[in-house]
Every structure is written in structure tokens, then in C-alpha cells.
Amino acid sequence: MSGEDLTLFAGGSAWSPSSWRSKPARHQPAWPDAAEIEQATKALHDLPPLVFAGEARSLTGHLGRVADGEAFLLQAGDCAESFDSSADSIRDRLRVILQMAIVLTYSGGVPLVKVGRIAGQFAKPRSSPTETVGEVELPSFLGHMVNDIGFSEAERLPDPRRLLTAYHRAASTLNLLRAFTRGGYADLSRVASWNREFVASSPAGRRYSRMAEEIDRALRFMTACGVTTANTPQLHEVEFYTSHEALVLDYEEALTREDSTTGDWYDCSAHMLWIGERTRQLDGAHVEFLRGVRNPLGCKVGPTATADEVVALCELLNPQRVPGRLTLITRMGAGRIGTLLPPLLRAVRDSGHPVAWACDPMHGNTYTSESGRKTRHFDDVLAEISGFFAAHTACGTWPGGVHVELTGDAVTECVGGADKLIDADLERAFETLCDPRLNGRQSVDLAFRVAEMLSDRR
């Protein structure tokens, strides 16, 4: 390790993009050939960055407003992205996120920071390293970045070449996102056209249509006054950022670059990276790696987290106490958030750390249905968000955002919602690679419910 690769942080400990290798690293693939993984990561290191340091700094600034109670974070996207996602599927996922953002901005009355779980969410930690079907036991599917969902020995073998495929898939997805968000698709005049038939025919979709009509009337008034979407970039384009769980550290290290303007290190695989509930150990490799990059970071906080652990994470990940640097994403479960969250809120508040708080209402509310499908109930998702808002109100802190898994496809993976999906509906269109996602109808419905909570809070 050369001297120029070292960065000193709080406590005088040295960091480099590879210093995580001296720490215990959980949920890493068992690559079968050391030479192949070395070859793949070297090739990644020689490729251009996917995102740029200035973009990550811009997101940190926006998340600083969330931490200060002046904005709201919507972080949303697929549970586990597929290498097979079509351009239409990516566009439809973005459309649902934009619909939710419009609802939250217009009905909730707060500026929105929009971050997608997209262009990199190709790896997933699993509760068991193996999966058994009948009498056959094979390694678990760990996301397309690592292996294939097909159930054969060859398909489940971790393949380092998939890291390069993940990079190229992320690059093409980013190209599409930039085209859609900068090229007119996100123009406010198109709000009504985003409401596809399967959303428009739902109760939430009809409510969205009424809101779109109100926005159209406001735009016509502004046009009459000489203000148009064509001459006002804020109405024609949207700022949209990408994020994923920084799980496979070989991939993240290979895409880490030193910024030529500041000398800081950035993980250029995404604007924002997060640490999962399973990998947030204080002495672990994931915390070690991410403490040294200057991207805005997220950290999932589940029901086993103690106040001391959470404050220690804040000290490690944001020792300079930069607003917007750290977002704590809680995932407690609807029945436990009212008891477990307030002590954490008070501890972080009293420590003086300027964190943004977001609620992941999905992962703590997963259960197995009578049909054997892993699912989530819309009412539980909503109840956890409601409990999140209530806890913040009681503690005098700001409920800064939501973090949800969704798709623009007309899937039936979560029960409940405006369409009152039931267990029997799950078989109709259960398409996820891993965890159940909200569909477009349910996502727009949820946005209206959260907007009501925001409006009451303001």
C-alpha cells in the first residue's frame, strides 16, 4: 500500500480502498478461481466511472436538507435488478418513482430528493448460503452480479465475469435514466401521460388523475404569465440519483476512484451506497470500506440495533458530522417500531450527529403466505411508516424519507392496497428475483398516504 493511497480518519486509523480486506467480510461470494476474480476486478478498475464525484457531492447537499428537516427523501426501486431488464421496464420503474415524487411534492408540500435503487442493485445477501429443492442442495442465488437464478450447479456457481456484465448493465441503465430525466420525459407537462392504464383504473390512479389536472391548470396559468417548462429547467428536468447496497466489495473497490479536484476517494459505482442490516458490524469489512469513500451513505438499522451501536456507526461513518453524509434507514416491523425506534432517535439526537432518517417499511414486514409465497401486506407497510412518523413527532425529530421496493410492472407480489389483492392473487404475476415488490397501483396509493402524513407534519 503506497503512502498516497492512505487517508487518515478519526482515531488516526489508515484507510485505503483495499483496507477492508483486513476485516471480517460477511456475505461475500466464494469465487472459485482467484485468478479469474483478479482479472475481472483489474478490468473493472480500468473502465470509466459510472457516476462522478461532483454528482455525489450534489446529492450530499440535498440530503443535508433532509437532515435539516427541509426536504424529504424518496428512495425506491427494484429488490434485485435483473440483467434481463428491458428498456421499457426501466422506464416504467422510473415513471412510478416520478409519479410518487409528484404526489409527495404536490400533496405533501415538501421538496423531494429522488434516489433510485437502480443501476447497480444486482447483488443480495441471503439468510442461508444454500438452497434445497427436493433432495438437491445448491448455493443460494446471490443476485445476477454473482450467479444465476436457475437451479443447476453450473448456474449457481459464482462467476467473476458477471461483475463486468453488472458494470455494463449499470452503464446502459444510467444512459437511459439520464435520457429520460434530462430529455423531456420528466417534463411536468407530461404528468398526466405517466398514468398508464393499470394505474389510471385504480382508486389511487383516479386520485392521481385529478391531481394531474390541477397541475395542468397551474401550468397553463404559468404559461400565460410567460413561464413555461421549455424556459424553466426545474419544470423540464429532474435531478435523479442512483444507489445500491454496497455488498460485493470486490466490485465496489474496483470502481473506487480518487477525485482529481479534491483528492477524496469516491465509489463511482453509484451516487449513494448503503450498508445492509446483515453487514453493519462495527469491526466489519463493509463499514471499513464505506467509511473511507466520500459518497453519501445509508445504513440499514433493524430491530437488534442498540442506541450505543447506532451512535458508534455515526462516529465511524461520519466523524466530521457532515449533514447529508449519513442516512439511517430503519427497518423494524410494524409491530415493533413504536417501541424500538424512539430510543435510537433520542440517542442520535443527543449525540449531535446530523443524520437523515428514512423508513424501510418492507423488510421488517415480510411473511410467508398460505400458498408458500414470501409476501408483504400493504397495511403493514403503511403501519410501519405511520409508526415512523409518530416516533419522530414524539422525539421532536424529522421523519426524513421512505425507502421502498417497487416495480413499474403489473405484478401481484404484495397483498392489500387499493385493489385488495389477496393470497390467491399472488400466483397471477409473482415475478421478483428475490423479495416481493409493490406494483404501480400500490406505489401511487402509498405515496398519497405518506403525503397526508407529511402534510399533517408540516
Protein backbone atom coordinates (compact mmCIF):
# COMPACT_ATOMS: atom_id res chain seq x y z
CA MET A 1 0.00 0.00 0.00
CA SER A 2 1.61 3.25 -1.08
CA GLY A 3 1.67 6.37 1.06
CA GLU A 4 -0.53 8.29 -1.37
CA ASP A 5 -3.20 5.58 -1.04
CA LEU A 6 -3.58 6.21 2.70
CA THR A 7 -6.15 8.50 4.23
CA LEU A 8 -6.23 9.27 7.95
CA PHE A 9 -9.57 9.37 9.71
CA ALA A 10 -10.77 9.92 13.26
CA GLY A 11 -8.62 7.96 15.69
CA GLY A 12 -5.64 8.06 13.32
CA SER A 13 -6.50 4.81 11.57
CA ALA A 14 -5.33 4.44 7.99
CA TRP A 15 -7.76 3.75 5.15
CA SER A 16 -7.32 2.77 1.53
CA PRO A 17 -9.75 1.25 -1.00
CA SER A 18 -8.36 -2.18 -0.07
CA SER A 19 -8.09 -1.82 3.72
CA TRP A 20 -11.41 -3.66 4.11
CA ARG A 21 -9.55 -6.86 3.23
CA SER A 22 -8.03 -6.95 6.72
CA LYS A 23 -11.52 -7.09 8.28
CA PRO A 24 -14.07 -9.91 8.51
CA ALA A 25 -16.23 -9.68 5.37
CA ARG A 26 -19.68 -11.23 5.53
CA HIS A 27 -21.88 -12.30 2.62
CA GLN A 28 -19.08 -12.27 0.05
CA PRO A 29 -19.19 -14.72 -2.89
CA ALA A 30 -16.98 -17.78 -2.71
CA TRP A 31 -15.22 -17.09 -6.01
CA PRO A 32 -13.93 -20.44 -7.30
CA ASP A 33 -10.81 -19.10 -9.05
CA ALA A 34 -8.58 -16.40 -7.55
CA ALA A 35 -7.01 -15.60 -10.92
CA GLU A 36 -10.41 -15.01 -12.54
CA ILE A 37 -11.61 -12.59 -9.87
CA GLU A 38 -8.29 -10.71 -10.05
CA GLN A 39 -8.62 -10.44 -13.82
CA ALA A 40 -12.23 -9.22 -13.58
CA THR A 41 -11.51 -6.56 -10.96
CA LYS A 42 -8.49 -5.30 -12.90
CA ALA A 43 -10.68 -4.90 -15.96
CA LEU A 44 -13.26 -3.02 -13.88
CA HIS A 45 -10.59 -0.75 -12.46
CA ASP A 46 -9.56 0.27 -15.98
CA LEU A 47 -13.12 1.19 -17.04
CA PRO A 48 -14.55 4.73 -16.75
CA PRO A 49 -16.51 5.66 -13.62
CA LEU A 50 -20.27 5.14 -13.77
CA VAL A 51 -21.00 8.32 -11.81
CA PHE A 52 -18.90 11.33 -10.91
CA ALA A 53 -17.69 12.82 -7.66
CA GLY A 54 -19.43 16.14 -8.27
CA GLU A 55 -22.78 14.38 -8.65
CA ALA A 56 -22.25 12.55 -5.35
CA ARG A 57 -21.37 15.83 -3.62
CA SER A 58 -24.55 17.38 -5.01
CA LEU A 59 -26.61 14.55 -3.51
CA THR A 60 -24.87 15.02 -0.16
CA GLY A 61 -26.02 18.64 -0.23
CA HIS A 62 -29.61 17.66 -0.97
CA LEU A 63 -29.59 15.03 1.79
CA GLY A 64 -28.24 17.71 4.12
CA ARG A 65 -31.56 19.48 3.61
CA VAL A 66 -33.33 16.24 4.53
CA ALA A 67 -31.25 16.01 7.71
CA ASP A 68 -32.21 19.63 8.49
CA GLY A 69 -35.93 18.91 8.06
CA GLU A 70 -36.23 20.95 4.86
CA ALA A 71 -36.77 18.13 2.33
CA PHE A 72 -37.98 14.53 2.05
CA LEU A 73 -36.17 11.53 0.58
CA LEU A 74 -37.86 9.06 -1.76
CA GLN A 75 -35.53 6.10 -2.29
CA ALA A 76 -37.21 3.41 -4.36
CA GLY A 77 -36.67 0.71 -6.93
CA ASP A 78 -36.28 -2.98 -7.53
CA CYS A 79 -35.46 -5.52 -4.84
CA ALA A 80 -32.85 -7.15 -7.07
CA GLU A 81 -32.27 -5.89 -10.58
CA SER A 82 -32.10 -8.36 -13.42
CA PHE A 83 -29.60 -8.45 -16.26
CA ASP A 84 -32.65 -9.13 -18.43
CA SER A 85 -34.48 -5.86 -17.64
CA SER A 86 -35.76 -4.21 -20.81
CA ALA A 87 -35.66 -0.51 -21.60
CA ASP A 88 -39.45 -0.43 -21.16
CA SER A 89 -39.18 -1.99 -17.70
CA ILE A 90 -36.54 0.55 -16.62
CA ARG A 91 -38.65 3.42 -17.99
CA ASP A 92 -41.77 2.15 -16.20
CA ARG A 93 -39.91 1.82 -12.90
CA LEU A 94 -38.68 5.40 -13.25
CA ARG A 95 -42.19 6.54 -14.15
CA VAL A 96 -43.66 5.14 -10.94
CA ILE A 97 -40.93 6.83 -8.88
CA LEU A 98 -41.65 10.13 -10.65
CA GLN A 99 -45.37 9.69 -10.02
CA MET A 100 -44.72 9.12 -6.34
CA ALA A 101 -42.43 12.15 -6.23
CA ILE A 102 -45.07 14.37 -7.82
CA VAL A 103 -47.67 13.18 -5.30
CA LEU A 104 -45.35 13.73 -2.35
CA THR A 105 -44.24 17.16 -3.57
CA TYR A 106 -47.69 18.44 -4.57
CA SER A 107 -49.77 16.92 -1.79
CA GLY A 108 -47.11 16.76 0.92
CA GLY A 109 -45.76 20.25 0.33
CA VAL A 110 -42.03 19.48 0.66
CA PRO A 111 -39.11 19.38 -1.79
CA LEU A 112 -38.27 15.81 -2.84
CA VAL A 113 -34.86 14.18 -3.17
CA LYS A 114 -35.23 11.31 -5.65
CA VAL A 115 -32.87 8.33 -5.37
CA GLY A 116 -33.40 5.07 -7.22
CA ARG A 117 -32.45 1.56 -6.14
CA ILE A 118 -31.26 1.15 -9.69
CA ALA A 119 -28.24 0.76 -12.00
CA GLY A 120 -26.34 -1.44 -9.55
CA GLN A 121 -28.73 -3.37 -7.29
CA PHE A 122 -27.56 -6.69 -8.72
CA ALA A 123 -26.45 -8.46 -5.51
CA LYS A 124 -28.41 -9.64 -2.47
CA PRO A 125 -27.43 -11.11 0.89
CA ARG A 126 -29.31 -14.28 1.77
CA SER A 127 -30.26 -15.75 5.12
CA SER A 128 -28.82 -19.14 4.12
CA PRO A 129 -25.76 -19.85 1.93
CA THR A 130 -27.55 -22.81 0.32
CA GLU A 131 -30.98 -23.64 -1.07
CA THR A 132 -32.57 -27.09 -1.21
CA VAL A 133 -35.11 -28.23 -3.78
CA GLY A 134 -36.21 -31.79 -3.29
CA GLU A 135 -33.04 -33.67 -2.44
CA VAL A 136 -30.70 -31.25 -4.25
CA GLU A 137 -28.77 -28.63 -2.27
CA LEU A 138 -27.02 -25.83 -4.15
CA PRO A 139 -25.56 -22.39 -3.33
CA SER A 140 -28.24 -19.72 -2.90
CA PHE A 141 -28.97 -17.22 -5.66
CA LEU A 142 -26.99 -14.09 -4.69
CA GLY A 143 -28.13 -11.78 -7.47
CA HIS A 144 -27.16 -11.60 -11.12
CA MET A 145 -23.85 -9.94 -10.22
CA VAL A 146 -22.75 -13.24 -8.68
CA ASN A 147 -24.66 -16.21 -10.14
CA ASP A 148 -27.86 -17.19 -11.94
CA ILE A 149 -31.32 -17.89 -10.56
CA GLY A 150 -31.55 -21.17 -12.49
CA PHE A 151 -31.28 -24.19 -10.22
CA SER A 152 -28.29 -26.14 -11.52
CA GLU A 153 -24.74 -26.49 -10.28
CA ALA A 154 -23.32 -24.54 -13.20
CA GLU A 155 -25.84 -21.70 -12.88
CA ARG A 156 -25.32 -21.29 -9.15
CA LEU A 157 -21.51 -21.23 -9.35
CA PRO A 158 -20.23 -17.67 -8.63
CA ASP A 159 -18.76 -16.25 -11.84
CA PRO A 160 -16.43 -13.19 -11.65
CA ARG A 161 -17.22 -12.30 -15.26
CA ARG A 162 -20.65 -11.26 -14.03
CA LEU A 163 -19.05 -8.24 -12.32
CA LEU A 164 -18.21 -6.88 -15.76
CA THR A 165 -21.71 -7.62 -17.02
CA ALA A 166 -23.09 -5.75 -13.99
CA TYR A 167 -20.95 -2.74 -14.87
CA HIS A 168 -22.15 -2.67 -18.48
CA ARG A 169 -25.79 -3.20 -17.48
CA ALA A 170 -25.48 -0.36 -14.96
CA ALA A 171 -23.91 1.88 -17.62
CA SER A 172 -26.73 1.27 -20.09
CA THR A 173 -29.35 1.82 -17.39
CA LEU A 174 -27.70 5.10 -16.40
CA ASN A 175 -27.75 6.22 -20.04
CA LEU A 176 -31.49 5.58 -20.18
CA LEU A 177 -32.13 7.34 -16.87
CA ARG A 178 -30.20 10.41 -17.95
CA ALA A 179 -32.05 10.50 -21.25
CA PHE A 180 -35.44 10.23 -19.57
CA THR A 181 -34.77 12.70 -16.75
CA ARG A 182 -32.97 15.29 -18.90
CA GLY A 183 -34.59 14.81 -22.29
CA GLY A 184 -38.19 15.84 -21.65
CA TYR A 185 -39.81 12.64 -20.34
CA ALA A 186 -39.85 14.14 -16.83
CA ASP A 187 -41.35 17.44 -18.02
CA LEU A 188 -44.17 18.50 -15.68
CA SER A 189 -46.46 18.90 -18.68
CA ARG A 190 -46.31 15.10 -19.06
CA VAL A 191 -47.57 14.32 -15.56
CA ALA A 192 -50.95 13.13 -16.84
CA SER A 193 -49.39 10.93 -19.53
CA TRP A 194 -47.42 8.97 -16.91
CA ASN A 195 -50.67 7.48 -15.64
CA ARG A 196 -50.77 4.21 -17.52
CA GLU A 197 -53.99 2.25 -17.77
CA PHE A 198 -53.26 -0.21 -14.97
CA VAL A 199 -52.69 2.72 -12.61
CA ALA A 200 -55.37 5.02 -14.00
CA SER A 201 -58.08 2.41 -13.43
CA SER A 202 -57.33 2.15 -9.70
CA PRO A 203 -58.75 4.43 -6.97
CA ALA A 204 -55.29 5.88 -6.33
CA GLY A 205 -54.85 6.32 -10.09
CA ARG A 206 -58.07 8.30 -10.37
CA ARG A 207 -56.91 10.47 -7.47
CA TYR A 208 -53.63 10.95 -9.32
CA SER A 209 -55.53 11.98 -12.47
CA ARG A 210 -57.37 14.69 -10.55
CA MET A 211 -54.07 15.97 -9.17
CA ALA A 212 -52.55 15.96 -12.68
CA GLU A 213 -55.46 18.08 -13.93
CA GLU A 214 -54.78 20.61 -11.18
CA ILE A 215 -51.10 20.72 -12.13
CA ASP A 216 -52.05 21.18 -15.81
CA ARG A 217 -54.26 24.15 -14.88
CA ALA A 218 -51.42 25.66 -12.87
CA LEU A 219 -49.02 25.18 -15.79
CA ARG A 220 -51.45 26.82 -18.19
CA PHE A 221 -51.63 29.82 -15.84
CA MET A 222 -47.84 29.98 -15.64
CA THR A 223 -47.56 29.75 -19.43
CA ALA A 224 -49.97 32.66 -19.77
CA CYS A 225 -47.63 34.58 -17.47
CA GLY A 226 -44.65 33.73 -19.67
CA VAL A 227 -43.21 30.90 -17.54
CA THR A 228 -43.04 27.63 -19.48
CA THR A 229 -41.41 24.26 -18.96
CA ALA A 230 -39.26 24.98 -22.00
CA ASN A 231 -37.62 28.04 -20.42
CA THR A 232 -37.61 26.77 -16.82
CA PRO A 233 -35.24 23.81 -16.33
CA GLN A 234 -36.75 22.96 -12.93
CA LEU A 235 -40.05 22.16 -14.68
CA HIS A 236 -38.50 20.34 -17.63
CA GLU A 237 -35.91 18.13 -15.93
CA VAL A 238 -35.49 16.30 -12.63
CA GLU A 239 -32.44 15.52 -10.55
CA PHE A 240 -32.36 11.76 -10.13
CA TYR A 241 -29.65 9.83 -8.34
CA THR A 242 -28.73 6.15 -8.14
CA SER A 243 -27.98 3.89 -5.18
CA HIS A 244 -27.47 0.28 -4.26
CA GLU A 245 -26.32 -1.85 -1.37
CA ALA A 246 -22.51 -1.97 -1.44
CA LEU A 247 -22.44 -5.70 -0.85
CA VAL A 248 -19.84 -7.27 -3.17
CA LEU A 249 -16.72 -5.44 -2.06
CA ASP A 250 -14.52 -6.65 -4.92
CA TYR A 251 -16.82 -4.75 -7.29
CA GLU A 252 -17.01 -1.62 -5.11
CA GLU A 253 -13.24 -1.41 -4.58
CA ALA A 254 -12.58 -1.77 -8.31
CA LEU A 255 -14.85 1.20 -9.07
CA THR A 256 -13.42 3.49 -6.39
CA ARG A 257 -11.55 6.50 -7.78
CA GLU A 258 -9.56 9.42 -6.37
CA ASP A 259 -11.25 12.71 -7.27
CA SER A 260 -8.84 14.91 -9.18
CA THR A 261 -10.33 18.14 -7.79
CA THR A 262 -10.40 17.29 -4.07
CA GLY A 263 -8.14 14.29 -3.61
CA ASP A 264 -11.01 12.44 -1.89
CA TRP A 265 -11.99 8.89 -2.74
CA TYR A 266 -15.41 8.14 -4.25
CA ASP A 267 -17.07 4.84 -5.04
CA CYS A 268 -18.10 5.63 -8.60
CA SER A 269 -20.49 2.68 -8.95
CA ALA A 270 -23.40 4.84 -7.66
CA HIS A 271 -24.11 8.23 -6.15
CA MET A 272 -25.18 6.74 -2.81
CA LEU A 273 -24.22 3.40 -1.25
CA TRP A 274 -25.74 1.71 1.75
CA ILE A 275 -24.71 -0.91 4.28
CA GLY A 276 -27.26 -3.64 4.92
CA GLU A 277 -28.62 -4.86 8.23
CA ARG A 278 -26.57 -8.05 7.89
CA THR A 279 -23.25 -6.29 7.23
CA ARG A 280 -23.20 -3.26 9.56
CA GLN A 281 -20.73 -4.75 12.08
CA LEU A 282 -18.59 -2.01 13.61
CA ASP A 283 -15.43 -4.03 13.03
CA GLY A 284 -16.58 -5.45 9.68
CA ALA A 285 -15.32 -5.01 6.15
CA HIS A 286 -18.35 -3.09 4.85
CA VAL A 287 -18.15 -0.36 7.49
CA GLU A 288 -14.38 -0.21 6.98
CA PHE A 289 -14.72 0.24 3.22
CA LEU A 290 -17.52 2.78 3.22
CA ARG A 291 -16.11 4.96 5.99
CA GLY A 292 -13.37 5.99 3.57
CA VAL A 293 -15.35 6.94 0.46
CA ARG A 294 -16.95 10.38 0.33
CA ASN A 295 -20.27 9.37 -1.23
CA PRO A 296 -23.40 9.93 0.81
CA LEU A 297 -24.03 6.72 2.72
CA GLY A 298 -27.01 4.84 4.05
CA CYS A 299 -27.05 2.25 6.81
CA LYS A 300 -29.94 -0.12 7.49
CA VAL A 301 -30.90 -0.33 11.16
CA GLY A 302 -33.03 -3.27 12.25
CA PRO A 303 -34.71 -4.43 15.47
CA THR A 304 -31.50 -5.76 17.07
CA ALA A 305 -29.69 -2.41 16.88
CA THR A 306 -28.90 -0.71 20.19
CA ALA A 307 -28.57 3.02 20.78
CA ASP A 308 -24.85 2.64 21.51
CA GLU A 309 -24.29 0.71 18.26
CA VAL A 310 -26.11 3.29 16.18
CA VAL A 311 -24.19 6.22 17.68
CA ALA A 312 -20.93 4.29 17.15
CA LEU A 313 -21.87 3.78 13.49
CA CYS A 314 -22.44 7.52 13.19
CA GLU A 315 -18.98 8.17 14.66
CA LEU A 316 -17.31 5.74 12.26
CA LEU A 317 -19.18 6.69 9.11
CA ASN A 318 -19.46 10.44 9.65
CA PRO A 319 -16.79 11.56 12.13
CA GLN A 320 -16.75 15.07 10.66
CA ARG A 321 -20.53 15.34 11.17
CA VAL A 322 -21.29 16.49 7.63
CA PRO A 323 -25.06 16.98 7.10
CA GLY A 324 -26.25 14.67 4.32
CA ARG A 325 -23.31 12.28 4.61
CA LEU A 326 -25.26 9.62 6.55
CA THR A 327 -28.85 8.39 6.25
CA LEU A 328 -30.06 5.86 8.80
CA ILE A 329 -32.70 3.60 7.23
CA THR A 330 -34.84 1.90 9.84
CA ARG A 331 -36.48 -1.49 9.23
CA MET A 332 -38.16 -2.57 12.44
CA GLY A 333 -41.51 -4.12 11.51
CA ALA A 334 -44.92 -2.53 12.01
CA GLY A 335 -45.47 -4.09 15.42
CA ARG A 336 -42.11 -3.07 16.88
CA ILE A 337 -41.24 0.34 15.51
CA GLY A 338 -43.18 2.27 18.16
CA THR A 339 -41.08 0.68 20.92
CA LEU A 340 -37.69 0.23 19.25
CA LEU A 341 -37.23 3.44 17.25
CA PRO A 342 -37.64 6.24 19.88
CA PRO A 343 -34.55 5.25 21.94
CA LEU A 344 -32.42 5.36 18.78
CA LEU A 345 -33.83 8.73 17.73
CA ARG A 346 -33.12 10.22 21.14
CA ALA A 347 -29.59 8.79 21.31
CA VAL A 348 -28.58 10.13 17.89
CA ARG A 349 -30.29 13.46 18.53
CA ASP A 350 -28.49 13.87 21.85
CA SER A 351 -25.14 12.90 20.28
CA GLY A 352 -25.41 15.84 17.89
CA HIS A 353 -24.97 13.76 14.73
CA PRO A 354 -26.79 15.39 11.74
CA VAL A 355 -28.30 12.26 10.21
CA ALA A 356 -31.21 11.93 7.82
CA TRP A 357 -33.73 9.29 8.92
CA ALA A 358 -35.62 7.15 6.42
CA CYS A 359 -38.09 4.30 6.88
CA ASP A 360 -37.77 0.98 5.05
CA PRO A 361 -41.25 -0.46 5.71
CA MET A 362 -40.72 -3.52 3.53
CA HIS A 363 -38.10 -5.81 5.05
CA GLY A 364 -39.48 -5.95 8.58
CA ASN A 365 -42.92 -6.99 7.35
CA THR A 366 -42.16 -10.00 5.16
CA TYR A 367 -44.01 -13.25 5.84
CA THR A 368 -44.84 -16.49 4.07
CA SER A 369 -48.40 -16.73 2.77
CA GLU A 370 -50.58 -19.82 2.97
CA SER A 371 -49.64 -20.57 -0.64
CA GLY A 372 -45.95 -20.62 0.33
CA ARG A 373 -45.07 -17.30 -1.32
CA LYS A 374 -42.98 -14.74 0.53
CA THR A 375 -45.09 -11.58 0.59
CA ARG A 376 -45.88 -8.33 2.40
CA HIS A 377 -49.21 -6.75 3.29
CA PHE A 378 -49.79 -3.18 2.19
CA ASP A 379 -51.43 -2.37 5.54
CA ASP A 380 -48.27 -3.47 7.41
CA VAL A 381 -46.10 -1.35 5.14
CA LEU A 382 -48.32 1.65 5.79
CA ALA A 383 -48.47 0.94 9.53
CA GLU A 384 -44.69 0.95 9.84
CA ILE A 385 -44.46 4.32 8.07
CA SER A 386 -47.17 5.68 10.36
CA GLY A 387 -45.24 4.43 13.38
CA PHE A 388 -42.08 6.01 11.97
CA PHE A 389 -43.80 9.40 11.73
CA ALA A 390 -45.30 9.05 15.21
CA ALA A 391 -41.93 8.22 16.77
CA HIS A 392 -40.32 11.27 15.17
CA THR A 393 -43.16 13.51 16.32
CA ALA A 394 -42.72 12.25 19.88
CA CYS A 395 -38.95 12.82 19.80
CA GLY A 396 -39.02 16.17 18.02
CA THR A 397 -37.03 14.86 15.04
CA TRP A 398 -37.73 14.90 11.30
CA PRO A 399 -39.09 11.80 9.52
CA GLY A 400 -36.86 12.34 6.54
CA GLY A 401 -37.94 9.76 3.97
CA VAL A 402 -39.09 6.36 2.82
CA HIS A 403 -37.17 3.51 1.19
CA VAL A 404 -39.38 1.09 -0.72
CA GLU A 405 -39.08 -1.82 -3.13
CA LEU A 406 -41.31 -1.40 -6.18
CA THR A 407 -41.66 -2.06 -9.86
CA GLY A 408 -43.46 -0.44 -12.76
CA ASP A 409 -44.66 -3.86 -13.91
CA ALA A 410 -48.19 -5.06 -13.12
CA VAL A 411 -47.07 -7.68 -10.62
CA THR A 412 -49.04 -9.26 -7.78
CA GLU A 413 -46.38 -9.81 -5.13
CA CYS A 414 -47.69 -7.80 -2.15
CA VAL A 415 -51.23 -8.26 -0.87
CA GLY A 416 -53.66 -5.49 0.07
CA GLY A 417 -53.71 -1.96 -1.25
CA ALA A 418 -56.45 -0.22 -3.17
CA ASP A 419 -57.04 -3.30 -5.34
CA LYS A 420 -57.36 -5.51 -2.25
CA LEU A 421 -55.08 -8.23 -3.56
CA ILE A 422 -55.36 -11.47 -1.62
CA ASP A 423 -53.22 -14.57 -1.21
CA ALA A 424 -54.81 -16.25 -4.23
CA ASP A 425 -53.73 -13.33 -6.45
CA LEU A 426 -50.03 -13.91 -5.77
CA GLU A 427 -49.76 -16.68 -8.34
CA ARG A 428 -51.04 -14.40 -11.10
CA ALA A 429 -47.87 -12.35 -11.56
CA PHE A 430 -45.21 -13.16 -8.98
CA GLU A 431 -42.08 -12.25 -10.92
CA THR A 432 -39.48 -10.95 -8.45
CA LEU A 433 -35.97 -12.41 -8.34
CA CYS A 434 -35.96 -12.17 -4.56
CA ASP A 435 -38.33 -10.12 -2.35
CA PRO A 436 -41.93 -9.04 -3.11
CA ARG A 437 -42.37 -5.54 -4.52
CA LEU A 438 -45.19 -3.02 -4.63
CA ASN A 439 -46.73 -2.61 -8.08
CA GLY A 440 -47.58 0.72 -9.71
CA ARG A 441 -51.06 0.97 -8.20
CA GLN A 442 -49.85 0.18 -4.70
CA SER A 443 -46.90 2.57 -5.01
CA VAL A 444 -49.05 5.54 -6.01
CA ASP A 445 -51.54 4.64 -3.26
CA LEU A 446 -48.70 4.59 -0.72
CA ALA A 447 -47.43 7.97 -1.93
CA PHE A 448 -50.81 9.60 -1.27
CA ARG A 449 -50.92 8.09 2.23
CA VAL A 450 -47.40 9.30 3.04
CA ALA A 451 -48.22 12.73 1.58
CA GLU A 452 -51.08 13.02 4.06
CA MET A 453 -48.70 12.26 6.92
CA LEU A 454 -46.25 14.85 5.58
CA SER A 455 -48.96 17.46 5.23
CA ASP A 456 -50.05 16.88 8.83
CA ARG A 457 -46.43 17.16 9.99
CA ARG A 458 -45.86 20.45 8.17
